[in-house]
Amino acid sequence: MQSISFRNEVVNVNLFKKPDWLALKNPLTKVPILEFDGKLVYESLITAEYLEEAYPATCPLNSTDPYQRARDRIYVELFGKVILYLFLVLVPIYLFYYVR
């Protein structure tokens, strides 16, 4: 967001205690979510692509090389699966030991 000049508001979300409104913005209850003019865009790579197309910047958010963009998508997908697995494993442990 820093490489693109426009006014924005950052809303931090506790992903351990997700607010009810998050599911209304993104059915997957994941972040980031970009909301503008009553429209919503979510998922990291999709949001970056949208911002780059809607607000052409001097500092591109994505590669111009098709192969590199494909590799970037692979890494995002892989990272998402790893994070989900860690979340499913670590949250119950955290809740058991630290939240009683």
C-alpha atoms as a PDB file:
ATOM      1  CA  MET A   1       0.000   0.000   0.000  1.00  0.00           C
ATOM      2  CA  GLN A   2       2.933   2.319   0.572  1.00  0.00           C
ATOM      3  CA  SER A   3       3.980   2.187  -3.078  1.00  0.00           C
ATOM      4  CA  ILE A   4       0.534   3.447  -4.166  1.00  0.00           C
ATOM      5  CA  SER A   5      -0.665   6.928  -3.263  1.00  0.00           C
ATOM      6  CA  PHE A   6      -4.258   7.063  -2.092  1.00  0.00           C
ATOM      7  CA  ARG A   7      -6.047   7.550   1.195  1.00  0.00           C
ATOM      8  CA  ASN A   8      -6.806   4.379   3.085  1.00  0.00           C
ATOM      9  CA  GLU A   9      -7.772   3.180   6.531  1.00  0.00           C
ATOM     10  CA  VAL A  10      -6.132   0.133   8.085  1.00  0.00           C
ATOM     11  CA  VAL A  11      -8.323  -2.008  10.331  1.00  0.00           C
ATOM     12  CA  ASN A  12      -6.437  -4.641  12.323  1.00  0.00           C
ATOM     13  CA  VAL A  13      -8.277  -7.890  13.046  1.00  0.00           C
ATOM     14  CA  ASN A  14      -7.562 -10.394  15.801  1.00  0.00           C
ATOM     15  CA  LEU A  15      -7.556 -13.655  13.826  1.00  0.00           C
ATOM     16  CA  PHE A  16      -7.868 -15.696  17.033  1.00  0.00           C
ATOM     17  CA  LYS A  17     -11.137 -13.901  17.857  1.00  0.00           C
ATOM     18  CA  LYS A  18     -12.523 -12.961  14.458  1.00  0.00           C
ATOM     19  CA  PRO A  19     -15.268 -10.337  14.560  1.00  0.00           C
ATOM     20  CA  ASP A  20     -18.657 -11.330  13.135  1.00  0.00           C
ATOM     21  CA  TRP A  21     -18.468  -8.664  10.438  1.00  0.00           C
ATOM     22  CA  LEU A  22     -15.381 -10.313   8.890  1.00  0.00           C
ATOM     23  CA  ALA A  23     -17.480 -13.130   7.371  1.00  0.00           C
ATOM     24  CA  LEU A  24     -19.703 -10.505   5.766  1.00  0.00           C
ATOM     25  CA  LYS A  25     -16.677  -8.976   4.049  1.00  0.00           C
ATOM     26  CA  ASN A  26     -14.908 -12.253   3.136  1.00  0.00           C
ATOM     27  CA  PRO A  27     -16.704 -15.604   3.431  1.00  0.00           C
ATOM     28  CA  LEU A  28     -13.335 -17.278   4.063  1.00  0.00           C
ATOM     29  CA  THR A  29     -12.738 -14.860   6.996  1.00  0.00           C
ATOM     30  CA  LYS A  30      -9.219 -14.161   5.792  1.00  0.00           C
ATOM     31  CA  VAL A  31      -7.332 -10.909   5.350  1.00  0.00           C
ATOM     32  CA  PRO A  32      -6.487  -8.670   3.554  1.00  0.00           C
ATOM     33  CA  ILE A  33      -9.791  -7.190   2.465  1.00  0.00           C
ATOM     34  CA  LEU A  34      -9.974  -4.070   0.356  1.00  0.00           C
ATOM     35  CA  GLU A  35     -13.281  -2.186   0.530  1.00  0.00           C
ATOM     36  CA  PHE A  36     -14.067   0.833  -1.644  1.00  0.00           C
ATOM     37  CA  ASP A  37     -17.270   2.383  -2.961  1.00  0.00           C
ATOM     38  CA  GLY A  38     -19.262  -0.511  -1.473  1.00  0.00           C
ATOM     39  CA  LYS A  39     -17.141  -3.045  -3.389  1.00  0.00           C
ATOM     40  CA  LEU A  40     -14.927  -5.743  -1.862  1.00  0.00           C
ATOM     41  CA  VAL A  41     -11.718  -7.367  -3.077  1.00  0.00           C
ATOM     42  CA  TYR A  42      -9.954 -10.004  -0.995  1.00  0.00           C
ATOM     43  CA  GLU A  43      -7.158 -12.570  -1.115  1.00  0.00           C
ATOM     44  CA  SER A  44      -3.590 -11.273  -1.108  1.00  0.00           C
ATOM     45  CA  LEU A  45      -2.579 -11.865  -4.715  1.00  0.00           C
ATOM     46  CA  ILE A  46      -5.936 -10.757  -6.125  1.00  0.00           C
ATOM     47  CA  THR A  47      -5.831  -7.578  -4.034  1.00  0.00           C
ATOM     48  CA  ALA A  48      -2.294  -6.799  -5.208  1.00  0.00           C
ATOM     49  CA  GLU A  49      -3.283  -7.370  -8.852  1.00  0.00           C
ATOM     50  CA  TYR A  50      -6.323  -5.154  -8.483  1.00  0.00           C
ATOM     51  CA  LEU A  51      -4.356  -2.316  -6.880  1.00  0.00           C
ATOM     52  CA  GLU A  52      -1.679  -2.505  -9.545  1.00  0.00           C
ATOM     53  CA  GLU A  53      -4.261  -2.318 -12.347  1.00  0.00           C
ATOM     54  CA  ALA A  54      -6.495   0.302 -10.723  1.00  0.00           C
ATOM     55  CA  TYR A  55      -3.635   2.527  -9.519  1.00  0.00           C
ATOM     56  CA  PRO A  56      -0.642   2.123 -11.831  1.00  0.00           C
ATOM     57  CA  ALA A  57       2.359   2.739  -9.609  1.00  0.00           C
ATOM     58  CA  THR A  58       5.961   3.563 -10.172  1.00  0.00           C
ATOM     59  CA  CYS A  59       6.802   0.539  -8.022  1.00  0.00           C
ATOM     60  CA  PRO A  60       4.998  -2.515  -9.467  1.00  0.00           C
ATOM     61  CA  LEU A  61       3.437  -4.938  -6.986  1.00  0.00           C
ATOM     62  CA  ASN A  62       3.685  -7.921  -9.346  1.00  0.00           C
ATOM     63  CA  SER A  63       6.247  -9.108 -11.836  1.00  0.00           C
ATOM     64  CA  THR A  64       5.755  -8.352 -15.521  1.00  0.00           C
ATOM     65  CA  ASP A  65       7.204 -11.777 -16.359  1.00  0.00           C
ATOM     66  CA  PRO A  66       4.383 -14.349 -16.821  1.00  0.00           C
ATOM     67  CA  TYR A  67       6.516 -17.209 -15.450  1.00  0.00           C
ATOM     68  CA  GLN A  68       7.430 -15.240 -12.324  1.00  0.00           C
ATOM     69  CA  ARG A  69       3.778 -14.270 -11.773  1.00  0.00           C
ATOM     70  CA  ALA A  70       2.863 -17.973 -12.003  1.00  0.00           C
ATOM     71  CA  ARG A  71       5.594 -18.851  -9.499  1.00  0.00           C
ATOM     72  CA  ASP A  72       4.341 -16.102  -7.187  1.00  0.00           C
ATOM     73  CA  ARG A  73       0.844 -17.610  -7.317  1.00  0.00           C
ATOM     74  CA  ILE A  74       2.285 -21.043  -6.504  1.00  0.00           C
ATOM     75  CA  TYR A  75       4.067 -19.649  -3.446  1.00  0.00           C
ATOM     76  CA  VAL A  76       0.931 -17.841  -2.277  1.00  0.00           C
ATOM     77  CA  GLU A  77      -1.111 -21.053  -2.584  1.00  0.00           C
ATOM     78  CA  LEU A  78       1.541 -23.105  -0.810  1.00  0.00           C
ATOM     79  CA  PHE A  79       1.964 -20.524   1.946  1.00  0.00           C
ATOM     80  CA  GLY A  80      -1.808 -20.416   2.451  1.00  0.00           C
ATOM     81  CA  LYS A  81      -1.955 -24.183   2.944  1.00  0.00           C
ATOM     82  CA  VAL A  82       1.005 -24.189   5.355  1.00  0.00           C
ATOM     83  CA  ILE A  83      -0.451 -21.333   7.394  1.00  0.00           C
ATOM     84  CA  LEU A  84      -3.838 -23.055   7.551  1.00  0.00           C
ATOM     85  CA  TYR A  85      -2.206 -26.261   8.792  1.00  0.00           C
ATOM     86  CA  LEU A  86      -0.188 -24.380  11.413  1.00  0.00           C
ATOM     87  CA  PHE A  87      -3.271 -22.474  12.490  1.00  0.00           C
ATOM     88  CA  LEU A  88      -5.280 -25.691  12.889  1.00  0.00           C
ATOM     89  CA  VAL A  89      -2.468 -27.296  14.911  1.00  0.00           C
ATOM     90  CA  LEU A  90      -1.239 -24.362  16.989  1.00  0.00           C
ATOM     91  CA  VAL A  91      -4.491 -22.649  17.929  1.00  0.00           C
ATOM     92  CA  PRO A  92      -5.833 -25.600  19.945  1.00  0.00           C
ATOM     93  CA  ILE A  93      -2.470 -25.857  21.737  1.00  0.00           C
ATOM     94  CA  TYR A  94      -2.496 -22.120  22.455  1.00  0.00           C
ATOM     95  CA  LEU A  95      -6.074 -22.246  23.716  1.00  0.00           C
ATOM     96  CA  PHE A  96      -5.365 -25.277  25.915  1.00  0.00           C
ATOM     97  CA  TYR A  97      -2.279 -23.828  27.621  1.00  0.00           C
ATOM     98  CA  TYR A  98      -2.916 -20.076  27.646  1.00  0.00           C
ATOM     99  CA  VAL A  99      -6.663 -19.438  27.573  1.00  0.00           C
ATOM    100  CA  ARG A 100      -8.577 -20.903  30.465  1.00  0.00           C
END
